[in-house]
Amino acid sequence: DWFRHTVIDTVPANYPGRGRQVYPGFLQHAGF
C-alpha cells in the first residue's frame, strides 16, 4: 500500500493515456 499511495499517479489530460494509473517516469528518475 505504501507503493500504491506514494508512487502511483494518474496521467494528465495532455497525453493519449489520460486517466491511466502509472508509476511516472519522473519519479523513477528521481529515485535513480
Full PDB file with SEQRES, HELIX, SHEET, SSBOND, CRYST1, ORIGX, SCALE, CONECT and MASTER records, all heavy atoms in Angstrom:
SEQRES   1 A   32  ASP TRP PHE ARG HIS THR VAL ILE ASP THR VAL PRO ALA          
SEQRES   2 A   32  ASN TYR PRO GLY ARG GLY ARG GLN VAL TYR PRO GLY PHE          
SEQRES   3 A   32  LEU GLN HIS ALA GLY PHE                                      
HELIX    1 AA1 TRP A    2  THR A    6  1                                   5    
HELIX    2 AA2 GLY A   25  GLY A   31  1                                   7    
CRYST1    1.000    1.000    1.000  90.00  90.00  90.00 P 1           1          
ORIGX1      1.000000  0.000000  0.000000        0.00000                         
ORIGX2      0.000000  1.000000  0.000000        0.00000                         
ORIGX3      0.000000  0.000000  1.000000        0.00000                         
SCALE1      1.000000  0.000000  0.000000        0.00000                         
SCALE2      0.000000  1.000000  0.000000        0.00000                         
SCALE3      0.000000  0.000000  1.000000        0.00000                         
ATOM      1  N   ASP A   1       0.816  -1.213   0.000  1.00  0.00           N  
ATOM      2  CA  ASP A   1       0.000   0.000   0.000  1.00  0.00           C  
ATOM      3  C   ASP A   1       0.848   1.261   0.000  1.00  0.00           C  
ATOM      4  O   ASP A   1       0.423   2.305  -0.515  1.00  0.00           O  
ATOM      5  CB  ASP A   1      -0.945   0.015   1.208  1.00  0.00           C  
ATOM      6  CG  ASP A   1      -2.197  -0.821   0.969  1.00  0.00           C  
ATOM      7  OD1 ASP A   1      -2.444  -1.188  -0.196  1.00  0.00           O  
ATOM      8  OD2 ASP A   1      -2.913  -1.129   1.946  1.00  0.00           O  
ATOM      9  N   TRP A   2       2.035   1.195   0.597  1.00  0.00           N  
ATOM     10  CA  TRP A   2       2.923   2.356   0.573  1.00  0.00           C  
ATOM     11  C   TRP A   2       3.285   2.718  -0.857  1.00  0.00           C  
ATOM     12  O   TRP A   2       3.272   3.901  -1.228  1.00  0.00           O  
ATOM     13  CB  TRP A   2       4.185   2.057   1.380  1.00  0.00           C  
ATOM     14  CG  TRP A   2       5.136   3.228   1.436  1.00  0.00           C  
ATOM     15  CD1 TRP A   2       5.152   4.223   2.361  1.00  0.00           C  
ATOM     16  CD2 TRP A   2       6.208   3.506   0.521  1.00  0.00           C  
ATOM     17  NE1 TRP A   2       6.155   5.115   2.078  1.00  0.00           N  
ATOM     18  CE2 TRP A   2       6.825   4.703   0.963  1.00  0.00           C  
ATOM     19  CE3 TRP A   2       6.706   2.875  -0.621  1.00  0.00           C  
ATOM     20  CZ2 TRP A   2       7.917   5.272   0.299  1.00  0.00           C  
ATOM     21  CZ3 TRP A   2       7.787   3.441  -1.302  1.00  0.00           C  
ATOM     22  CH2 TRP A   2       8.382   4.618  -0.843  1.00  0.00           C  
ATOM     23  N   PHE A   3       3.617   1.716  -1.669  1.00  0.00           N  
ATOM     24  CA  PHE A   3       3.941   1.972  -3.074  1.00  0.00           C  
ATOM     25  C   PHE A   3       2.715   2.485  -3.822  1.00  0.00           C  
ATOM     26  O   PHE A   3       2.813   3.400  -4.646  1.00  0.00           O  
ATOM     27  CB  PHE A   3       4.464   0.693  -3.730  1.00  0.00           C  
ATOM     28  CG  PHE A   3       5.799   0.248  -3.210  1.00  0.00           C  
ATOM     29  CD1 PHE A   3       5.890  -0.697  -2.189  1.00  0.00           C  
ATOM     30  CD2 PHE A   3       6.975   0.770  -3.724  1.00  0.00           C  
ATOM     31  CE1 PHE A   3       7.113  -1.101  -1.703  1.00  0.00           C  
ATOM     32  CE2 PHE A   3       8.210   0.379  -3.241  1.00  0.00           C  
ATOM     33  CZ  PHE A   3       8.279  -0.559  -2.225  1.00  0.00           C  
ATOM     34  N   ARG A   4       1.555   1.895  -3.525  1.00  0.00           N  
ATOM     35  CA  ARG A   4       0.327   2.303  -4.213  1.00  0.00           C  
ATOM     36  C   ARG A   4      -0.011   3.763  -3.934  1.00  0.00           C  
ATOM     37  O   ARG A   4      -0.412   4.494  -4.845  1.00  0.00           O  
ATOM     38  CB  ARG A   4      -0.828   1.387  -3.784  1.00  0.00           C  
ATOM     39  CG  ARG A   4      -2.142   1.705  -4.479  1.00  0.00           C  
ATOM     40  CD  ARG A   4      -3.254   0.766  -4.057  1.00  0.00           C  
ATOM     41  NE  ARG A   4      -3.057  -0.591  -4.590  1.00  0.00           N  
ATOM     42  CZ  ARG A   4      -2.735  -1.650  -3.864  1.00  0.00           C  
ATOM     43  NH1 ARG A   4      -2.542  -1.517  -2.550  1.00  0.00           N  
ATOM     44  NH2 ARG A   4      -2.574  -2.831  -4.422  1.00  0.00           N  
ATOM     45  N   HIS A   5       0.184   4.208  -2.709  1.00  0.00           N  
ATOM     46  CA  HIS A   5      -0.210   5.567  -2.339  1.00  0.00           C  
ATOM     47  C   HIS A   5       0.904   6.587  -2.523  1.00  0.00           C  
ATOM     48  O   HIS A   5       0.622   7.794  -2.564  1.00  0.00           O  
ATOM     49  CB  HIS A   5      -0.684   5.594  -0.880  1.00  0.00           C  
ATOM     50  CG  HIS A   5      -1.897   4.756  -0.620  1.00  0.00           C  
ATOM     51  ND1 HIS A   5      -3.048   4.867  -1.363  1.00  0.00           N  
ATOM     52  CD2 HIS A   5      -2.128   3.767   0.291  1.00  0.00           C  
ATOM     53  CE1 HIS A   5      -3.941   3.999  -0.918  1.00  0.00           C  
ATOM     54  NE2 HIS A   5      -3.409   3.323   0.080  1.00  0.00           N  
ATOM     55  N   THR A   6       2.159   6.120  -2.650  1.00  0.00           N  
ATOM     56  CA  THR A   6       3.292   7.047  -2.708  1.00  0.00           C  
ATOM     57  C   THR A   6       3.773   7.311  -4.124  1.00  0.00           C  
ATOM     58  O   THR A   6       4.103   8.457  -4.465  1.00  0.00           O  
ATOM     59  CB  THR A   6       4.465   6.515  -1.860  1.00  0.00           C  
ATOM     60  OG1 THR A   6       4.014   6.273  -0.536  1.00  0.00           O  
ATOM     61  CG2 THR A   6       5.614   7.502  -1.830  1.00  0.00           C  
ATOM     62  N   VAL A   7       3.838   6.287  -4.967  1.00  0.00           N  
ATOM     63  CA  VAL A   7       4.474   6.471  -6.283  1.00  0.00           C  
ATOM     64  C   VAL A   7       3.513   6.301  -7.455  1.00  0.00           C  
ATOM     65  O   VAL A   7       3.923   6.468  -8.608  1.00  0.00           O  
ATOM     66  CB  VAL A   7       5.680   5.507  -6.450  1.00  0.00           C  
ATOM     67  CG1 VAL A   7       6.700   5.736  -5.352  1.00  0.00           C  
ATOM     68  CG2 VAL A   7       5.227   4.046  -6.473  1.00  0.00           C  
ATOM     69  N   ILE A   8       2.276   5.956  -7.216  1.00  0.00           N  
ATOM     70  CA  ILE A   8       1.311   5.788  -8.308  1.00  0.00           C  
ATOM     71  C   ILE A   8       0.534   7.088  -8.513  1.00  0.00           C  
ATOM     72  O   ILE A   8       0.071   7.697  -7.555  1.00  0.00           O  
ATOM     73  CB  ILE A   8       0.341   4.623  -8.026  1.00  0.00           C  
ATOM     74  CG1 ILE A   8       1.111   3.317  -7.822  1.00  0.00           C  
ATOM     75  CG2 ILE A   8      -0.666   4.483  -9.168  1.00  0.00           C  
ATOM     76  CD1 ILE A   8       1.997   2.911  -8.985  1.00  0.00           C  
ATOM     77  N   ASP A   9       0.417   7.513  -9.766  1.00  0.00           N  
ATOM     78  CA  ASP A   9      -0.310   8.739 -10.078  1.00  0.00           C  
ATOM     79  C   ASP A   9      -1.091   8.546 -11.376  1.00  0.00           C  
ATOM     80  O   ASP A   9      -0.969   7.489 -12.027  1.00  0.00           O  
ATOM     81  CB  ASP A   9       0.652   9.916 -10.203  1.00  0.00           C  
ATOM     82  CG  ASP A   9       0.020  11.243  -9.798  1.00  0.00           C  
ATOM     83  OD1 ASP A   9      -1.213  11.360  -9.920  1.00  0.00           O  
ATOM     84  OD2 ASP A   9       0.754  12.145  -9.371  1.00  0.00           O  
ATOM     85  N   THR A  10      -1.867   9.553 -11.747  1.00  0.00           N  
ATOM     86  CA  THR A  10      -2.744   9.483 -12.919  1.00  0.00           C  
ATOM     87  C   THR A  10      -2.180  10.326 -14.054  1.00  0.00           C  
ATOM     88  O   THR A  10      -1.769  11.476 -13.835  1.00  0.00           O  
ATOM     89  CB  THR A  10      -4.158   9.990 -12.558  1.00  0.00           C  
ATOM     90  OG1 THR A  10      -4.648   9.220 -11.455  1.00  0.00           O  
ATOM     91  CG2 THR A  10      -5.109   9.831 -13.736  1.00  0.00           C  
ATOM     92  N   VAL A  11      -2.159   9.775 -15.253  1.00  0.00           N  
ATOM     93  CA  VAL A  11      -1.671  10.508 -16.428  1.00  0.00           C  
ATOM     94  C   VAL A  11      -2.604  11.691 -16.696  1.00  0.00           C  
ATOM     95  O   VAL A  11      -3.824  11.528 -16.784  1.00  0.00           O  
ATOM     96  CB  VAL A  11      -1.614   9.581 -17.660  1.00  0.00           C  
ATOM     97  CG1 VAL A  11      -1.186  10.370 -18.901  1.00  0.00           C  
ATOM     98  CG2 VAL A  11      -0.661   8.412 -17.404  1.00  0.00           C  
ATOM     99  N   PRO A  12      -2.047  12.903 -16.830  1.00  0.00           N  
ATOM    100  CA  PRO A  12      -2.902  14.081 -17.057  1.00  0.00           C  
ATOM    101  C   PRO A  12      -3.482  14.117 -18.472  1.00  0.00           C  
ATOM    102  O   PRO A  12      -3.149  13.292 -19.324  1.00  0.00           O  
ATOM    103  CB  PRO A  12      -1.946  15.251 -16.810  1.00  0.00           C  
ATOM    104  CG  PRO A  12      -0.584  14.705 -17.029  1.00  0.00           C  
ATOM    105  CD  PRO A  12      -0.634  13.257 -16.646  1.00  0.00           C  
ATOM    106  N   ALA A  13      -4.306  15.130 -18.691  1.00  0.00           N  
ATOM    107  CA  ALA A  13      -5.144  15.179 -19.903  1.00  0.00           C  
ATOM    108  C   ALA A  13      -4.379  15.449 -21.186  1.00  0.00           C  
ATOM    109  O   ALA A  13      -4.913  15.236 -22.274  1.00  0.00           O  
ATOM    110  CB  ALA A  13      -6.237  16.229 -19.726  1.00  0.00           C  
ATOM    111  N   ASN A  14      -3.133  15.902 -21.107  1.00  0.00           N  
ATOM    112  CA  ASN A  14      -2.411  16.261 -22.331  1.00  0.00           C  
ATOM    113  C   ASN A  14      -1.668  15.084 -22.964  1.00  0.00           C  
ATOM    114  O   ASN A  14      -0.830  15.277 -23.843  1.00  0.00           O  
ATOM    115  CB  ASN A  14      -1.423  17.402 -22.045  1.00  0.00           C  
ATOM    116  CG  ASN A  14      -0.509  17.124 -20.864  1.00  0.00           C  
ATOM    117  OD1 ASN A  14      -0.948  16.625 -19.844  1.00  0.00           O  
ATOM    118  ND2 ASN A  14       0.763  17.453 -21.014  1.00  0.00           N  
ATOM    119  N   TYR A  15      -1.969  13.859 -22.528  1.00  0.00           N  
ATOM    120  CA  TYR A  15      -1.362  12.662 -23.118  1.00  0.00           C  
ATOM    121  C   TYR A  15      -2.449  11.692 -23.579  1.00  0.00           C  
ATOM    122  O   TYR A  15      -3.560  11.686 -23.023  1.00  0.00           O  
ATOM    123  CB  TYR A  15      -0.456  11.953 -22.108  1.00  0.00           C  
ATOM    124  CG  TYR A  15       0.775  12.738 -21.730  1.00  0.00           C  
ATOM    125  CD1 TYR A  15       0.856  13.392 -20.496  1.00  0.00           C  
ATOM    126  CD2 TYR A  15       1.848  12.844 -22.605  1.00  0.00           C  
ATOM    127  CE1 TYR A  15       1.976  14.118 -20.141  1.00  0.00           C  
ATOM    128  CE2 TYR A  15       2.987  13.562 -22.258  1.00  0.00           C  
ATOM    129  CZ  TYR A  15       3.041  14.198 -21.042  1.00  0.00           C  
ATOM    130  OH  TYR A  15       4.158  14.925 -20.702  1.00  0.00           O  
ATOM    131  N   PRO A  16      -2.139  10.846 -24.583  1.00  0.00           N  
ATOM    132  CA  PRO A  16      -3.131   9.864 -25.046  1.00  0.00           C  
ATOM    133  C   PRO A  16      -3.620   8.933 -23.944  1.00  0.00           C  
ATOM    134  O   PRO A  16      -4.760   8.465 -23.984  1.00  0.00           O  
ATOM    135  CB  PRO A  16      -2.375   9.082 -26.134  1.00  0.00           C  
ATOM    136  CG  PRO A  16      -1.320  10.015 -26.624  1.00  0.00           C  
ATOM    137  CD  PRO A  16      -0.916  10.818 -25.420  1.00  0.00           C  
ATOM    138  N   GLY A  17      -2.774   8.658 -22.941  1.00  0.00           N  
ATOM    139  CA  GLY A  17      -3.149   7.747 -21.861  1.00  0.00           C  
ATOM    140  C   GLY A  17      -3.809   8.438 -20.689  1.00  0.00           C  
ATOM    141  O   GLY A  17      -3.788   7.889 -19.571  1.00  0.00           O  
ATOM    142  N   ARG A  18      -4.397   9.605 -20.932  1.00  0.00           N  
ATOM    143  CA  ARG A  18      -5.003  10.372 -19.839  1.00  0.00           C  
ATOM    144  C   ARG A  18      -5.960   9.500 -19.023  1.00  0.00           C  
ATOM    145  O   ARG A  18      -6.769   8.762 -19.570  1.00  0.00           O  
ATOM    146  CB  ARG A  18      -5.739  11.591 -20.381  1.00  0.00           C  
ATOM    147  CG  ARG A  18      -6.808  11.300 -21.402  1.00  0.00           C  
ATOM    148  CD  ARG A  18      -7.375  12.606 -21.970  1.00  0.00           C  
ATOM    149  NE  ARG A  18      -8.327  12.354 -23.043  1.00  0.00           N  
ATOM    150  CZ  ARG A  18      -7.982  12.193 -24.320  1.00  0.00           C  
ATOM    151  NH1 ARG A  18      -6.702  12.217 -24.672  1.00  0.00           N  
ATOM    152  NH2 ARG A  18      -8.910  11.987 -25.234  1.00  0.00           N  
ATOM    153  N   GLY A  19      -5.818   9.590 -17.705  1.00  0.00           N  
ATOM    154  CA  GLY A  19      -6.650   8.812 -16.802  1.00  0.00           C  
ATOM    155  C   GLY A  19      -6.055   7.476 -16.404  1.00  0.00           C  
ATOM    156  O   GLY A  19      -6.538   6.844 -15.461  1.00  0.00           O  
ATOM    157  N   ARG A  20      -4.985   7.043 -17.082  1.00  0.00           N  
ATOM    158  CA  ARG A  20      -4.354   5.757 -16.742  1.00  0.00           C  
ATOM    159  C   ARG A  20      -3.523   5.901 -15.472  1.00  0.00           C  
ATOM    160  O   ARG A  20      -2.821   6.900 -15.270  1.00  0.00           O  
ATOM    161  CB  ARG A  20      -3.477   5.276 -17.901  1.00  0.00           C  
ATOM    162  CG  ARG A  20      -2.763   3.947 -17.617  1.00  0.00           C  
ATOM    163  CD  ARG A  20      -1.952   3.461 -18.800  1.00  0.00           C  
ATOM    164  NE  ARG A  20      -2.807   3.115 -19.927  1.00  0.00           N  
ATOM    165  CZ  ARG A  20      -3.497   1.993 -20.028  1.00  0.00           C  
ATOM    166  NH1 ARG A  20      -3.445   1.096 -19.048  1.00  0.00           N  
ATOM    167  NH2 ARG A  20      -4.232   1.747 -21.094  1.00  0.00           N  
ATOM    168  N   GLN A  21      -3.552   4.889 -14.615  1.00  0.00           N  
ATOM    169  CA  GLN A  21      -2.735   4.844 -13.417  1.00  0.00           C  
ATOM    170  C   GLN A  21      -1.342   4.325 -13.776  1.00  0.00           C  
ATOM    171  O   GLN A  21      -1.205   3.276 -14.407  1.00  0.00           O  
ATOM    172  CB  GLN A  21      -3.371   3.939 -12.367  1.00  0.00           C  
ATOM    173  CG  GLN A  21      -4.677   4.473 -11.795  1.00  0.00           C  
ATOM    174  CD  GLN A  21      -4.429   5.609 -10.820  1.00  0.00           C  
ATOM    175  OE1 GLN A  21      -3.872   5.416  -9.733  1.00  0.00           O  
ATOM    176  NE2 GLN A  21      -4.847   6.816 -11.192  1.00  0.00           N  
ATOM    177  N   VAL A  22      -0.303   5.073 -13.384  1.00  0.00           N  
ATOM    178  CA  VAL A  22       1.067   4.722 -13.761  1.00  0.00           C  
ATOM    179  C   VAL A  22       2.023   4.994 -12.604  1.00  0.00           C  
ATOM    180  O   VAL A  22       1.691   5.721 -11.655  1.00  0.00           O  
ATOM    181  CB  VAL A  22       1.538   5.533 -14.992  1.00  0.00           C  
ATOM    182  CG1 VAL A  22       0.699   5.215 -16.219  1.00  0.00           C  
ATOM    183  CG2 VAL A  22       1.521   7.038 -14.701  1.00  0.00           C  
ATOM    184  N   TYR A  23       3.214   4.399 -12.718  1.00  0.00           N  
ATOM    185  CA  TYR A  23       4.356   4.812 -11.913  1.00  0.00           C  
ATOM    186  C   TYR A  23       5.128   5.771 -12.812  1.00  0.00           C  
ATOM    187  O   TYR A  23       5.813   5.354 -13.735  1.00  0.00           O  
ATOM    188  CB  TYR A  23       5.195   3.598 -11.534  1.00  0.00           C  
ATOM    189  CG  TYR A  23       6.442   3.892 -10.731  1.00  0.00           C  
ATOM    190  CD1 TYR A  23       6.644   5.097 -10.071  1.00  0.00           C  
ATOM    191  CD2 TYR A  23       7.447   2.929 -10.634  1.00  0.00           C  
ATOM    192  CE1 TYR A  23       7.786   5.343  -9.337  1.00  0.00           C  
ATOM    193  CE2 TYR A  23       8.603   3.163  -9.886  1.00  0.00           C  
ATOM    194  CZ  TYR A  23       8.766   4.374  -9.253  1.00  0.00           C  
ATOM    195  OH  TYR A  23       9.906   4.624  -8.523  1.00  0.00           O  
ATOM    196  N   PRO A  24       5.020   7.083 -12.588  1.00  0.00           N  
ATOM    197  CA  PRO A  24       5.565   8.069 -13.534  1.00  0.00           C  
ATOM    198  C   PRO A  24       7.078   7.979 -13.682  1.00  0.00           C  
ATOM    199  O   PRO A  24       7.807   7.724 -12.721  1.00  0.00           O  
ATOM    200  CB  PRO A  24       5.162   9.416 -12.920  1.00  0.00           C  
ATOM    201  CG  PRO A  24       4.036   9.101 -11.994  1.00  0.00           C  
ATOM    202  CD  PRO A  24       4.329   7.729 -11.466  1.00  0.00           C  
ATOM    203  N   GLY A  25       7.533   8.230 -14.903  1.00  0.00           N  
ATOM    204  CA  GLY A  25       8.955   8.188 -15.182  1.00  0.00           C  
ATOM    205  C   GLY A  25       9.745   9.205 -14.388  1.00  0.00           C  
ATOM    206  O   GLY A  25      10.876   8.938 -13.960  1.00  0.00           O  
ATOM    207  N   PHE A  26       9.170  10.398 -14.137  1.00  0.00           N  
ATOM    208  CA  PHE A  26       9.929  11.418 -13.417  1.00  0.00           C  
ATOM    209  C   PHE A  26      10.191  10.999 -11.977  1.00  0.00           C  
ATOM    210  O   PHE A  26      11.219  11.357 -11.394  1.00  0.00           O  
ATOM    211  CB  PHE A  26       9.224  12.776 -13.489  1.00  0.00           C  
ATOM    212  CG  PHE A  26       7.902  12.868 -12.780  1.00  0.00           C  
ATOM    213  CD1 PHE A  26       7.839  13.190 -11.436  1.00  0.00           C  
ATOM    214  CD2 PHE A  26       6.725  12.630 -13.461  1.00  0.00           C  
ATOM    215  CE1 PHE A  26       6.612  13.279 -10.774  1.00  0.00           C  
ATOM    216  CE2 PHE A  26       5.497  12.719 -12.816  1.00  0.00           C  
ATOM    217  CZ  PHE A  26       5.434  13.041 -11.463  1.00  0.00           C  
ATOM    218  N   LEU A  27       9.284  10.211 -11.377  1.00  0.00           N  
ATOM    219  CA  LEU A  27       9.536   9.701 -10.029  1.00  0.00           C  
ATOM    220  C   LEU A  27      10.612   8.615 -10.041  1.00  0.00           C  
ATOM    221  O   LEU A  27      11.440   8.531  -9.135  1.00  0.00           O  
ATOM    222  CB  LEU A  27       8.247   9.155  -9.428  1.00  0.00           C  
ATOM    223  CG  LEU A  27       7.206  10.182  -8.958  1.00  0.00           C  
ATOM    224  CD1 LEU A  27       5.982   9.470  -8.389  1.00  0.00           C  
ATOM    225  CD2 LEU A  27       7.802  11.118  -7.909  1.00  0.00           C  
ATOM    226  N   GLN A  28      10.577   7.788 -11.083  1.00  0.00           N  
ATOM    227  CA  GLN A  28      11.614   6.769 -11.212  1.00  0.00           C  
ATOM    228  C   GLN A  28      12.986   7.427 -11.367  1.00  0.00           C  
ATOM    229  O   GLN A  28      13.969   7.005 -10.754  1.00  0.00           O  
ATOM    230  CB  GLN A  28      11.324   5.889 -12.430  1.00  0.00           C  
ATOM    231  CG  GLN A  28      10.002   5.139 -12.347  1.00  0.00           C  
ATOM    232  CD  GLN A  28       9.673   4.464 -13.656  1.00  0.00           C  
ATOM    233  OE1 GLN A  28      10.459   3.686 -14.173  1.00  0.00           O  
ATOM    234  NE2 GLN A  28       8.503   4.761 -14.218  1.00  0.00           N  
ATOM    235  N   HIS A  29      13.033   8.474 -12.193  1.00  0.00           N  
ATOM    236  CA  HIS A  29      14.299   9.166 -12.420  1.00  0.00           C  
ATOM    237  C   HIS A  29      14.822   9.777 -11.129  1.00  0.00           C  
ATOM    238  O   HIS A  29      16.029   9.714 -10.834  1.00  0.00           O  
ATOM    239  CB  HIS A  29      14.112  10.248 -13.481  1.00  0.00           C  
ATOM    240  CG  HIS A  29      15.356  11.022 -13.772  1.00  0.00           C  
ATOM    241  ND1 HIS A  29      15.607  12.264 -13.238  1.00  0.00           N  
ATOM    242  CD2 HIS A  29      16.446  10.713 -14.532  1.00  0.00           C  
ATOM    243  CE1 HIS A  29      16.785  12.691 -13.650  1.00  0.00           C  
ATOM    244  NE2 HIS A  29      17.311  11.776 -14.439  1.00  0.00           N  
ATOM    245  N   ALA A  30      13.917  10.356 -10.337  1.00  0.00           N  
ATOM    246  CA  ALA A  30      14.327  10.919  -9.045  1.00  0.00           C  
ATOM    247  C   ALA A  30      14.928   9.834  -8.158  1.00  0.00           C  
ATOM    248  O   ALA A  30      15.907  10.071  -7.440  1.00  0.00           O  
ATOM    249  CB  ALA A  30      13.131  11.575  -8.362  1.00  0.00           C  
ATOM    250  N   GLY A  31      14.350   8.638  -8.218  1.00  0.00           N  
ATOM    251  CA  GLY A  31      14.891   7.526  -7.442  1.00  0.00           C  
ATOM    252  C   GLY A  31      16.264   7.106  -7.923  1.00  0.00           C  
ATOM    253  O   GLY A  31      17.153   6.803  -7.114  1.00  0.00           O  
ATOM    254  N   PHE A  32      16.463   7.087  -9.259  1.00  0.00           N  
ATOM    255  CA  PHE A  32      17.776   6.737  -9.810  1.00  0.00           C  
ATOM    256  C   PHE A  32      18.839   7.708  -9.304  1.00  0.00           C  
ATOM    257  O   PHE A  32      19.924   7.306  -8.859  1.00  0.00           O  
ATOM    258  CB  PHE A  32      17.758   6.785 -11.347  1.00  0.00           C  
ATOM    259  CG  PHE A  32      16.807   5.823 -11.996  1.00  0.00           C  
ATOM    260  CD1 PHE A  32      16.270   6.095 -13.248  1.00  0.00           C  
ATOM    261  CD2 PHE A  32      16.446   4.641 -11.373  1.00  0.00           C  
ATOM    262  CE1 PHE A  32      15.400   5.217 -13.860  1.00  0.00           C  
ATOM    263  CE2 PHE A  32      15.570   3.753 -11.972  1.00  0.00           C  
ATOM    264  CZ  PHE A  32      15.050   4.047 -13.225  1.00  0.00           C  
TER     265      PHE A  32                                                      
MASTER        0    0    0    2    0    0    0    6  264    1    0    3          
END                                                                             
